Amino acid sequence: MNFRVGQKVVCVDASPTYVGHPVPLTLGAIYTIETVVFACGLQGVSLREVKSFADRHHRAEFLASRFRPLVERKTDTGMAILKSILDEVNAGKVREIADA
């Protein structure tokens, strides 16, 4: 997967590094890619929301495989209609019809 700067991604792997060091990531959290780097055939990314451990003026870099692209969907019209009906029922604007 090739990521791009500014892309929103979801963390799918917040496990410690291969030597057991914790990473400042939260599983399922959404991040924004700041930079994309390639080294030794691997893609890495830095995130706007995460600074480096040692130097707070630089970004930490993570393997791109720790993330997946965020799929942003436009509001589903059918679900929006159902939600508005449910809101009206809960607000007492719609009364129940008894079974005959």
PDB file of N, CA and C in Angstrom:
ATOM      1  N   MET A   1       0.857  -1.182   0.000  1.00  0.00           N
ATOM      2  CA  MET A   1       0.000   0.000   0.000  1.00  0.00           C
ATOM      3  C   MET A   1       0.891   1.228   0.000  1.00  0.00           C
ATOM      4  N   ASN A   2       0.660   2.118  -0.930  1.00  0.00           N
ATOM      5  CA  ASN A   2       1.403   3.372  -0.967  1.00  0.00           C
ATOM      6  C   ASN A   2       0.552   4.483  -0.390  1.00  0.00           C
ATOM      7  N   PHE A   3       1.021   5.050   0.711  1.00  0.00           N
ATOM      8  CA  PHE A   3       0.317   6.144   1.355  1.00  0.00           C
ATOM      9  C   PHE A   3       0.798   7.472   0.794  1.00  0.00           C
ATOM     10  N   ARG A   4       0.048   8.531   1.071  1.00  0.00           N
ATOM     11  CA  ARG A   4       0.428   9.871   0.610  1.00  0.00           C
ATOM     12  C   ARG A   4       0.317  10.859   1.766  1.00  0.00           C
ATOM     13  N   VAL A   5       1.054  11.926   1.673  1.00  0.00           N
ATOM     14  CA  VAL A   5       1.029  12.973   2.685  1.00  0.00           C
ATOM     15  C   VAL A   5      -0.377  13.550   2.785  1.00  0.00           C
ATOM     16  N   GLY A   6      -0.853  13.721   4.018  1.00  0.00           N
ATOM     17  CA  GLY A   6      -2.183  14.269   4.254  1.00  0.00           C
ATOM     18  C   GLY A   6      -3.278  13.226   4.339  1.00  0.00           C
ATOM     19  N   GLN A   7      -2.963  11.986   3.990  1.00  0.00           N
ATOM     20  CA  GLN A   7      -3.958  10.912   4.016  1.00  0.00           C
ATOM     21  C   GLN A   7      -4.275  10.520   5.453  1.00  0.00           C
ATOM     22  N   LYS A   8      -5.541  10.247   5.725  1.00  0.00           N
ATOM     23  CA  LYS A   8      -5.972   9.759   7.034  1.00  0.00           C
ATOM     24  C   LYS A   8      -5.829   8.239   7.036  1.00  0.00           C
ATOM     25  N   VAL A   9      -5.267   7.716   8.131  1.00  0.00           N
ATOM     26  CA  VAL A   9      -5.071   6.278   8.264  1.00  0.00           C
ATOM     27  C   VAL A   9      -5.552   5.817   9.638  1.00  0.00           C
ATOM     28  N   VAL A  10      -5.838   4.518   9.744  1.00  0.00           N
ATOM     29  CA  VAL A  10      -6.264   3.907  11.004  1.00  0.00           C
ATOM     30  C   VAL A  10      -5.170   2.957  11.459  1.00  0.00           C
ATOM     31  N   CYS A  11      -4.824   3.014  12.734  1.00  0.00           N
ATOM     32  CA  CYS A  11      -3.808   2.115  13.282  1.00  0.00           C
ATOM     33  C   CYS A  11      -4.391   0.707  13.426  1.00  0.00           C
ATOM     34  N   VAL A  12      -3.724  -0.265  12.822  1.00  0.00           N
ATOM     35  CA  VAL A  12      -4.158  -1.664  12.919  1.00  0.00           C
ATOM     36  C   VAL A  12      -3.151  -2.517  13.690  1.00  0.00           C
ATOM     37  N   ASP A  13      -2.034  -1.909  14.114  1.00  0.00           N
ATOM     38  CA  ASP A  13      -1.008  -2.640  14.865  1.00  0.00           C
ATOM     39  C   ASP A  13      -0.298  -1.675  15.806  1.00  0.00           C
ATOM     40  N   ALA A  14      -0.654  -1.732  17.077  1.00  0.00           N
ATOM     41  CA  ALA A  14      -0.023  -0.887  18.094  1.00  0.00           C
ATOM     42  C   ALA A  14       0.863  -1.727  19.014  1.00  0.00           C
ATOM     43  N   SER A  15       1.254  -2.904  18.531  1.00  0.00           N
ATOM     44  CA  SER A  15       2.080  -3.801  19.347  1.00  0.00           C
ATOM     45  C   SER A  15       3.476  -3.214  19.531  1.00  0.00           C
ATOM     46  N   PRO A  16       4.194  -3.651  20.578  1.00  0.00           N
ATOM     47  CA  PRO A  16       5.557  -3.168  20.806  1.00  0.00           C
ATOM     48  C   PRO A  16       6.464  -3.488  19.616  1.00  0.00           C
ATOM     49  N   THR A  17       7.598  -2.831  19.566  1.00  0.00           N
ATOM     50  CA  THR A  17       8.566  -3.088  18.499  1.00  0.00           C
ATOM     51  C   THR A  17       9.126  -4.503  18.640  1.00  0.00           C
ATOM     52  N   TYR A  18       9.902  -4.941  17.664  1.00  0.00           N
ATOM     53  CA  TYR A  18      10.434  -6.304  17.681  1.00  0.00           C
ATOM     54  C   TYR A  18      11.379  -6.537  18.860  1.00  0.00           C
ATOM     55  N   VAL A  19      11.866  -5.455  19.489  1.00  0.00           N
ATOM     56  CA  VAL A  19      12.718  -5.621  20.672  1.00  0.00           C
ATOM     57  C   VAL A  19      11.950  -5.312  21.955  1.00  0.00           C
ATOM     58  N   GLY A  20      10.629  -5.176  21.856  1.00  0.00           N
ATOM     59  CA  GLY A  20       9.799  -5.024  23.038  1.00  0.00           C
ATOM     60  C   GLY A  20       9.522  -3.609  23.506  1.00  0.00           C
ATOM     61  N   HIS A  21       9.971  -2.613  22.745  1.00  0.00           N
ATOM     62  CA  HIS A  21       9.709  -1.225  23.132  1.00  0.00           C
ATOM     63  C   HIS A  21       8.271  -0.842  22.786  1.00  0.00           C
ATOM     64  N   PRO A  22       7.576  -0.143  23.682  1.00  0.00           N
ATOM     65  CA  PRO A  22       6.207   0.288  23.373  1.00  0.00           C
ATOM     66  C   PRO A  22       6.219   1.359  22.283  1.00  0.00           C
ATOM     67  N   VAL A  23       5.140   1.469  21.567  1.00  0.00           N
ATOM     68  CA  VAL A  23       5.002   2.511  20.545  1.00  0.00           C
ATOM     69  C   VAL A  23       3.869   3.453  20.965  1.00  0.00           C
ATOM     70  N   PRO A  24       3.976   4.733  20.647  1.00  0.00           N
ATOM     71  CA  PRO A  24       2.953   5.693  21.064  1.00  0.00           C
ATOM     72  C   PRO A  24       1.756   5.717  20.119  1.00  0.00           C
ATOM     73  N   LEU A  25       1.234   4.548  19.822  1.00  0.00           N
ATOM     74  CA  LEU A  25       0.088   4.438  18.924  1.00  0.00           C
ATOM     75  C   LEU A  25      -1.075   3.804  19.680  1.00  0.00           C
ATOM     76  N   THR A  26      -2.280   4.106  19.238  1.00  0.00           N
ATOM     77  CA  THR A  26      -3.479   3.521  19.825  1.00  0.00           C
ATOM     78  C   THR A  26      -4.202   2.734  18.750  1.00  0.00           C
ATOM     79  N   LEU A  27      -4.451   1.469  19.024  1.00  0.00           N
ATOM     80  CA  LEU A  27      -5.146   0.615  18.072  1.00  0.00           C
ATOM     81  C   LEU A  27      -6.514   1.219  17.739  1.00  0.00           C
ATOM     82  N   GLY A  28      -6.806   1.356  16.458  1.00  0.00           N
ATOM     83  CA  GLY A  28      -8.083   1.900  16.015  1.00  0.00           C
ATOM     84  C   GLY A  28      -8.121   3.415  15.916  1.00  0.00           C
ATOM     85  N   ALA A  29      -7.074   4.083  16.379  1.00  0.00           N
ATOM     86  CA  ALA A  29      -7.041   5.552  16.316  1.00  0.00           C
ATOM     87  C   ALA A  29      -6.780   6.018  14.885  1.00  0.00           C
ATOM     88  N   ILE A  30      -7.256   7.214  14.590  1.00  0.00           N
ATOM     89  CA  ILE A  30      -7.083   7.803  13.257  1.00  0.00           C
ATOM     90  C   ILE A  30      -5.939   8.806  13.322  1.00  0.00           C
ATOM     91  N   TYR A  31      -5.029   8.704  12.362  1.00  0.00           N
ATOM     92  CA  TYR A  31      -3.869   9.587  12.277  1.00  0.00           C
ATOM     93  C   TYR A  31      -3.788  10.195  10.880  1.00  0.00           C
ATOM     94  N   THR A  32      -2.981  11.262  10.759  1.00  0.00           N
ATOM     95  CA  THR A  32      -2.759  11.929   9.476  1.00  0.00           C
ATOM     96  C   THR A  32      -1.290  11.770   9.098  1.00  0.00           C
ATOM     97  N   ILE A  33      -1.023  11.323   7.877  1.00  0.00           N
ATOM     98  CA  ILE A  33       0.358  11.119   7.435  1.00  0.00           C
ATOM     99  C   ILE A  33       1.030  12.467   7.182  1.00  0.00           C
ATOM    100  N   GLU A  34       2.187  12.638   7.809  1.00  0.00           N
ATOM    101  CA  GLU A  34       2.989  13.859   7.668  1.00  0.00           C
ATOM    102  C   GLU A  34       4.042  13.698   6.581  1.00  0.00           C
ATOM    103  N   THR A  35       4.760  12.559   6.625  1.00  0.00           N
ATOM    104  CA  THR A  35       5.764  12.274   5.599  1.00  0.00           C
ATOM    105  C   THR A  35       5.737  10.786   5.263  1.00  0.00           C
ATOM    106  N   VAL A  36       6.228  10.474   4.085  1.00  0.00           N
ATOM    107  CA  VAL A  36       6.345   9.089   3.628  1.00  0.00           C
ATOM    108  C   VAL A  36       7.805   8.867   3.267  1.00  0.00           C
ATOM    109  N   VAL A  37       8.373   7.764   3.772  1.00  0.00           N
ATOM    110  CA  VAL A  37       9.773   7.448   3.478  1.00  0.00           C
ATOM    111  C   VAL A  37       9.882   6.001   3.009  1.00  0.00           C
ATOM    112  N   PHE A  38      10.937   5.728   2.234  1.00  0.00           N
ATOM    113  CA  PHE A  38      11.223   4.367   1.788  1.00  0.00           C
ATOM    114  C   PHE A  38      12.659   4.044   2.171  1.00  0.00           C
ATOM    115  N   ALA A  39      12.855   2.888   2.804  1.00  0.00           N
ATOM    116  CA  ALA A  39      14.202   2.450   3.164  1.00  0.00           C
ATOM    117  C   ALA A  39      14.229   0.931   3.170  1.00  0.00           C
ATOM    118  N   CYS A  40      15.269   0.366   2.590  1.00  0.00           N
ATOM    119  CA  CYS A  40      15.468  -1.090   2.564  1.00  0.00           C
ATOM    120  C   CYS A  40      14.239  -1.824   2.026  1.00  0.00           C
ATOM    121  N   GLY A  41      13.564  -1.237   1.065  1.00  0.00           N
ATOM    122  CA  GLY A  41      12.397  -1.873   0.461  1.00  0.00           C
ATOM    123  C   GLY A  41      11.128  -1.772   1.283  1.00  0.00           C
ATOM    124  N   LEU A  42      11.153  -1.032   2.383  1.00  0.00           N
ATOM    125  CA  LEU A  42       9.972  -0.875   3.229  1.00  0.00           C
ATOM    126  C   LEU A  42       9.484   0.569   3.206  1.00  0.00           C
ATOM    127  N   GLN A  43       8.182   0.726   3.353  1.00  0.00           N
ATOM    128  CA  GLN A  43       7.601   2.061   3.411  1.00  0.00           C
ATOM    129  C   GLN A  43       7.369   2.429   4.877  1.00  0.00           C
ATOM    130  N   GLY A  44       7.731   3.639   5.220  1.00  0.00           N
ATOM    131  CA  GLY A  44       7.488   4.147   6.561  1.00  0.00           C
ATOM    132  C   GLY A  44       6.730   5.454   6.481  1.00  0.00           C
ATOM    133  N   VAL A  45       6.082   5.810   7.573  1.00  0.00           N
ATOM    134  CA  VAL A  45       5.339   7.068   7.620  1.00  0.00           C
ATOM    135  C   VAL A  45       5.587   7.750   8.966  1.00  0.00           C
ATOM    136  N   SER A  46       5.513   9.074   8.947  1.00  0.00           N
ATOM    137  CA  SER A  46       5.463   9.821  10.195  1.00  0.00           C
ATOM    138  C   SER A  46       4.071  10.422  10.262  1.00  0.00           C
ATOM    139  N   LEU A  47       3.626  10.692  11.471  1.00  0.00           N
ATOM    140  CA  LEU A  47       2.251  11.127  11.700  1.00  0.00           C
ATOM    141  C   LEU A  47       2.219  12.502  12.344  1.00  0.00           C
ATOM    142  N   ARG A  48       1.294  13.343  11.907  1.00  0.00           N
ATOM    143  CA  ARG A  48       1.175  14.686  12.480  1.00  0.00           C
ATOM    144  C   ARG A  48       0.911  14.643  13.976  1.00  0.00           C
ATOM    145  N   GLU A  49       0.198  13.639  14.411  1.00  0.00           N
ATOM    146  CA  GLU A  49      -0.247  13.572  15.801  1.00  0.00           C
ATOM    147  C   GLU A  49       0.787  12.971  16.758  1.00  0.00           C
ATOM    148  N   VAL A  50       1.897  12.425  16.231  1.00  0.00           N
ATOM    149  CA  VAL A  50       2.876  11.735  17.082  1.00  0.00           C
ATOM    150  C   VAL A  50       4.257  12.327  16.872  1.00  0.00           C
ATOM    151  N   LYS A  51       4.850  12.833  17.945  1.00  0.00           N
ATOM    152  CA  LYS A  51       6.214  13.377  17.901  1.00  0.00           C
ATOM    153  C   LYS A  51       7.214  12.276  18.259  1.00  0.00           C
ATOM    154  N   SER A  52       8.475  12.509  17.964  1.00  0.00           N
ATOM    155  CA  SER A  52       9.536  11.554  18.266  1.00  0.00           C
ATOM    156  C   SER A  52       9.739  11.437  19.773  1.00  0.00           C
ATOM    157  N   PHE A  53      10.214  10.280  20.224  1.00  0.00           N
ATOM    158  CA  PHE A  53      10.491  10.069  21.646  1.00  0.00           C
ATOM    159  C   PHE A  53      11.657  10.945  22.095  1.00  0.00           C
ATOM    160  N   ALA A  54      12.752  10.909  21.355  1.00  0.00           N
ATOM    161  CA  ALA A  54      13.986  11.567  21.766  1.00  0.00           C
ATOM    162  C   ALA A  54      13.979  13.071  21.498  1.00  0.00           C
ATOM    163  N   ASP A  55      13.432  13.476  20.376  1.00  0.00           N
ATOM    164  CA  ASP A  55      13.470  14.883  19.985  1.00  0.00           C
ATOM    165  C   ASP A  55      12.060  15.342  19.662  1.00  0.00           C
ATOM    166  N   ARG A  56      11.477  16.128  20.509  1.00  0.00           N
ATOM    167  CA  ARG A  56      10.077  16.553  20.367  1.00  0.00           C
ATOM    168  C   ARG A  56       9.842  17.472  19.164  1.00  0.00           C
ATOM    169  N   HIS A  57      10.919  17.857  18.444  1.00  0.00           N
ATOM    170  CA  HIS A  57      10.758  18.711  17.261  1.00  0.00           C
ATOM    171  C   HIS A  57      10.677  17.894  15.979  1.00  0.00           C
ATOM    172  N   HIS A  58      10.870  16.588  16.076  1.00  0.00           N
ATOM    173  CA  HIS A  58      10.817  15.719  14.911  1.00  0.00           C
ATOM    174  C   HIS A  58       9.714  14.681  15.071  1.00  0.00           C
ATOM    175  N   ARG A  59       9.293  14.133  13.975  1.00  0.00           N
ATOM    176  CA  ARG A  59       8.245  13.107  13.983  1.00  0.00           C
ATOM    177  C   ARG A  59       8.858  11.716  14.079  1.00  0.00           C
ATOM    178  N   ALA A  60       8.176  10.841  14.791  1.00  0.00           N
ATOM    179  CA  ALA A  60       8.587   9.437  14.834  1.00  0.00           C
ATOM    180  C   ALA A  60       8.137   8.782  13.533  1.00  0.00           C
ATOM    181  N   GLU A  61       8.884   7.797  13.076  1.00  0.00           N
ATOM    182  CA  GLU A  61       8.512   7.071  11.866  1.00  0.00           C
ATOM    183  C   GLU A  61       8.101   5.651  12.225  1.00  0.00           C
ATOM    184  N   PHE A  62       7.078   5.172  11.530  1.00  0.00           N
ATOM    185  CA  PHE A  62       6.530   3.841  11.779  1.00  0.00           C
ATOM    186  C   PHE A  62       6.411   3.092  10.459  1.00  0.00           C
ATOM    187  N   LEU A  63       6.464   1.782  10.528  1.00  0.00           N
ATOM    188  CA  LEU A  63       6.223   0.979   9.330  1.00  0.00           C
ATOM    189  C   LEU A  63       4.798   1.241   8.835  1.00  0.00           C
ATOM    190  N   ALA A  64       4.655   1.406   7.553  1.00  0.00           N
ATOM    191  CA  ALA A  64       3.339   1.665   6.963  1.00  0.00           C
ATOM    192  C   ALA A  64       2.385   0.497   7.198  1.00  0.00           C
ATOM    193  N   SER A  65       2.925  -0.687   7.400  1.00  0.00           N
ATOM    194  CA  SER A  65       2.079  -1.865   7.615  1.00  0.00           C
ATOM    195  C   SER A  65       1.292  -1.789   8.927  1.00  0.00           C
ATOM    196  N   ARG A  66       1.621  -0.846   9.785  1.00  0.00           N
ATOM    197  CA  ARG A  66       0.866  -0.655  11.024  1.00  0.00           C
ATOM    198  C   ARG A  66      -0.459   0.081  10.790  1.00  0.00           C
ATOM    199  N   PHE A  67      -0.704   0.506   9.559  1.00  0.00           N
ATOM    200  CA  PHE A  67      -1.877   1.327   9.268  1.00  0.00           C
ATOM    201  C   PHE A  67      -2.632   0.836   8.043  1.00  0.00           C
ATOM    202  N   ARG A  68      -3.891   1.232   7.962  1.00  0.00           N
ATOM    203  CA  ARG A  68      -4.687   1.029   6.751  1.00  0.00           C
ATOM    204  C   ARG A  68      -5.343   2.366   6.428  1.00  0.00           C
ATOM    205  N   PRO A  69      -5.669   2.597   5.176  1.00  0.00           N
ATOM    206  CA  PRO A  69      -6.326   3.856   4.818  1.00  0.00           C
ATOM    207  C   PRO A  69      -7.684   3.973   5.518  1.00  0.00           C
ATOM    208  N   LEU A  70      -8.028   5.170   5.910  1.00  0.00           N
ATOM    209  CA  LEU A  70      -9.356   5.429   6.460  1.00  0.00           C
ATOM    210  C   LEU A  70     -10.329   5.523   5.302  1.00  0.00           C
ATOM    211  N   VAL A  71     -11.409   4.774   5.378  1.00  0.00           N
ATOM    212  CA  VAL A  71     -12.436   4.836   4.345  1.00  0.00           C
ATOM    213  C   VAL A  71     -13.489   5.812   4.827  1.00  0.00           C
ATOM    214  N   GLU A  72     -13.543   6.966   4.187  1.00  0.00           N
ATOM    215  CA  GLU A  72     -14.527   7.973   4.559  1.00  0.00           C
ATOM    216  C   GLU A  72     -15.713   7.844   3.613  1.00  0.00           C
ATOM    217  N   ARG A  73     -16.866   7.560   4.191  1.00  0.00           N
ATOM    218  CA  ARG A  73     -18.070   7.382   3.386  1.00  0.00           C
ATOM    219  C   ARG A  73     -18.986   8.569   3.570  1.00  0.00           C
ATOM    220  N   LYS A  74     -19.649   8.930   2.493  1.00  0.00           N
ATOM    221  CA  LYS A  74     -20.654   9.975   2.603  1.00  0.00           C
ATOM    222  C   LYS A  74     -21.841   9.395   3.364  1.00  0.00           C
ATOM    223  N   THR A  75     -22.588  10.258   4.003  1.00  0.00           N
ATOM    224  CA  THR A  75     -23.732   9.801   4.793  1.00  0.00           C
ATOM    225  C   THR A  75     -24.677   8.995   3.927  1.00  0.00           C
ATOM    226  N   ASP A  76     -25.010   7.836   4.419  1.00  0.00           N
ATOM    227  CA  ASP A  76     -25.947   6.980   3.721  1.00  0.00           C
ATOM    228  C   ASP A  76     -27.342   7.546   3.900  1.00  0.00           C
ATOM    229  N   THR A  77     -28.019   7.856   2.812  1.00  0.00           N
ATOM    230  CA  THR A  77     -29.334   8.485   2.866  1.00  0.00           C
ATOM    231  C   THR A  77     -30.342   7.633   3.606  1.00  0.00           C
ATOM    232  N   GLY A  78     -30.363   6.341   3.346  1.00  0.00           N
ATOM    233  CA  GLY A  78     -31.321   5.459   4.004  1.00  0.00           C
ATOM    234  C   GLY A  78     -31.147   5.456   5.514  1.00  0.00           C
ATOM    235  N   MET A  79     -29.895   5.395   5.965  1.00  0.00           N
ATOM    236  CA  MET A  79     -29.639   5.402   7.402  1.00  0.00           C
ATOM    237  C   MET A  79     -30.024   6.745   8.003  1.00  0.00           C
ATOM    238  N   ALA A  80     -29.805   7.832   7.289  1.00  0.00           N
ATOM    239  CA  ALA A  80     -30.165   9.156   7.796  1.00  0.00           C
ATOM    240  C   ALA A  80     -31.675   9.267   7.975  1.00  0.00           C
ATOM    241  N   ILE A  81     -32.431   8.707   7.036  1.00  0.00           N
ATOM    242  CA  ILE A  81     -33.894   8.740   7.130  1.00  0.00           C
ATOM    243  C   ILE A  81     -34.359   7.913   8.327  1.00  0.00           C
ATOM    244  N   LEU A  82     -33.809   6.714   8.489  1.00  0.00           N
ATOM    245  CA  LEU A  82     -34.179   5.872   9.627  1.00  0.00           C
ATOM    246  C   LEU A  82     -33.837   6.536  10.957  1.00  0.00           C
ATOM    247  N   LYS A  83     -32.692   7.197  11.018  1.00  0.00           N
ATOM    248  CA  LYS A  83     -32.302   7.876  12.246  1.00  0.00           C
ATOM    249  C   LYS A  83     -33.268   9.011  12.556  1.00  0.00           C
ATOM    250  N   SER A  84     -33.689   9.762  11.552  1.00  0.00           N
ATOM    251  CA  SER A  84     -34.614  10.869  11.806  1.00  0.00           C
ATOM    252  C   SER A  84     -35.971  10.346  12.289  1.00  0.00           C
ATOM    253  N   ILE A  85     -36.416   9.221  11.748  1.00  0.00           N
ATOM    254  CA  ILE A  85     -37.679   8.616  12.204  1.00  0.00           C
ATOM    255  C   ILE A  85     -37.545   8.172  13.655  1.00  0.00           C
ATOM    256  N   LEU A  86     -36.433   7.515  13.969  1.00  0.00           N
ATOM    257  CA  LEU A  86     -36.197   7.061  15.335  1.00  0.00           C
ATOM    258  C   LEU A  86     -36.137   8.238  16.305  1.00  0.00           C
ATOM    259  N   ASP A  87     -35.502   9.320  15.894  1.00  0.00           N
ATOM    260  CA  ASP A  87     -35.435  10.518  16.739  1.00  0.00           C
ATOM    261  C   ASP A  87     -36.831  11.066  17.027  1.00  0.00           C
ATOM    262  N   GLU A  88     -37.690  11.064  16.014  1.00  0.00           N
ATOM    263  CA  GLU A  88     -39.061  11.562  16.197  1.00  0.00           C
ATOM    264  C   GLU A  88     -39.852  10.645  17.127  1.00  0.00           C
ATOM    265  N   VAL A  89     -39.653   9.332  16.987  1.00  0.00           N
ATOM    266  CA  VAL A  89     -40.336   8.388  17.870  1.00  0.00           C
ATOM    267  C   VAL A  89     -39.890   8.619  19.308  1.00  0.00           C
ATOM    268  N   ASN A  90     -38.593   8.757  19.505  1.00  0.00           N
ATOM    269  CA  ASN A  90     -38.053   8.970  20.846  1.00  0.00           C
ATOM    270  C   ASN A  90     -38.493  10.308  21.434  1.00  0.00           C
ATOM    271  N   ALA A  91     -38.742  11.292  20.601  1.00  0.00           N
ATOM    272  CA  ALA A  91     -39.176  12.609  21.077  1.00  0.00           C
ATOM    273  C   ALA A  91     -40.687  12.658  21.300  1.00  0.00           C
ATOM    274  N   GLY A  92     -41.382  11.557  21.005  1.00  0.00           N
ATOM    275  CA  GLY A  92     -42.822  11.502  21.223  1.00  0.00           C
ATOM    276  C   GLY A  92     -43.643  12.151  20.122  1.00  0.00           C
ATOM    277  N   LYS A  93     -43.027  12.472  18.995  1.00  0.00           N
ATOM    278  CA  LYS A  93     -43.736  13.096  17.891  1.00  0.00           C
ATOM    279  C   LYS A  93     -44.508  12.094  17.068  1.00  0.00           C
ATOM    280  N   VAL A  94     -44.160  10.832  17.204  1.00  0.00           N
ATOM    281  CA  VAL A  94     -44.850   9.777  16.474  1.00  0.00           C
ATOM    282  C   VAL A  94     -45.436   8.832  17.509  1.00  0.00           C
ATOM    283  N   ARG A  95     -46.704   8.496  17.365  1.00  0.00           N
ATOM    284  CA  ARG A  95     -47.303   7.596  18.349  1.00  0.00           C
ATOM    285  C   ARG A  95     -47.356   6.192  17.769  1.00  0.00           C
ATOM    286  N   GLU A  96     -47.306   5.218  18.644  1.00  0.00           N
ATOM    287  CA  GLU A  96     -47.369   3.819  18.230  1.00  0.00           C
ATOM    288  C   GLU A  96     -48.758   3.482  17.757  1.00  0.00           C
ATOM    289  N   ILE A  97     -48.827   2.655  16.759  1.00  0.00           N
ATOM    290  CA  ILE A  97     -50.128   2.170  16.290  1.00  0.00           C
ATOM    291  C   ILE A  97     -50.287   0.756  16.816  1.00  0.00           C
ATOM    292  N   ALA A  98     -51.351   0.556  17.592  1.00  0.00           N
ATOM    293  CA  ALA A  98     -51.590  -0.760  18.204  1.00  0.00           C
ATOM    294  C   ALA A  98     -52.021  -1.756  17.147  1.00  0.00           C
ATOM    295  N   ASP A  99     -51.558  -2.993  17.319  1.00  0.00           N
ATOM    296  CA  ASP A  99     -51.985  -4.049  16.386  1.00  0.00           C
ATOM    297  C   ASP A  99     -53.464  -4.302  16.564  1.00  0.00           C
ATOM    298  N   ALA A 100     -54.164  -4.464  15.475  1.00  0.00           N
ATOM    299  CA  ALA A 100     -55.610  -4.687  15.534  1.00  0.00           C
ATOM    300  C   ALA A 100     -55.931  -6.144  15.687  1.00  0.00           C
TER     301      ALA A 100
END
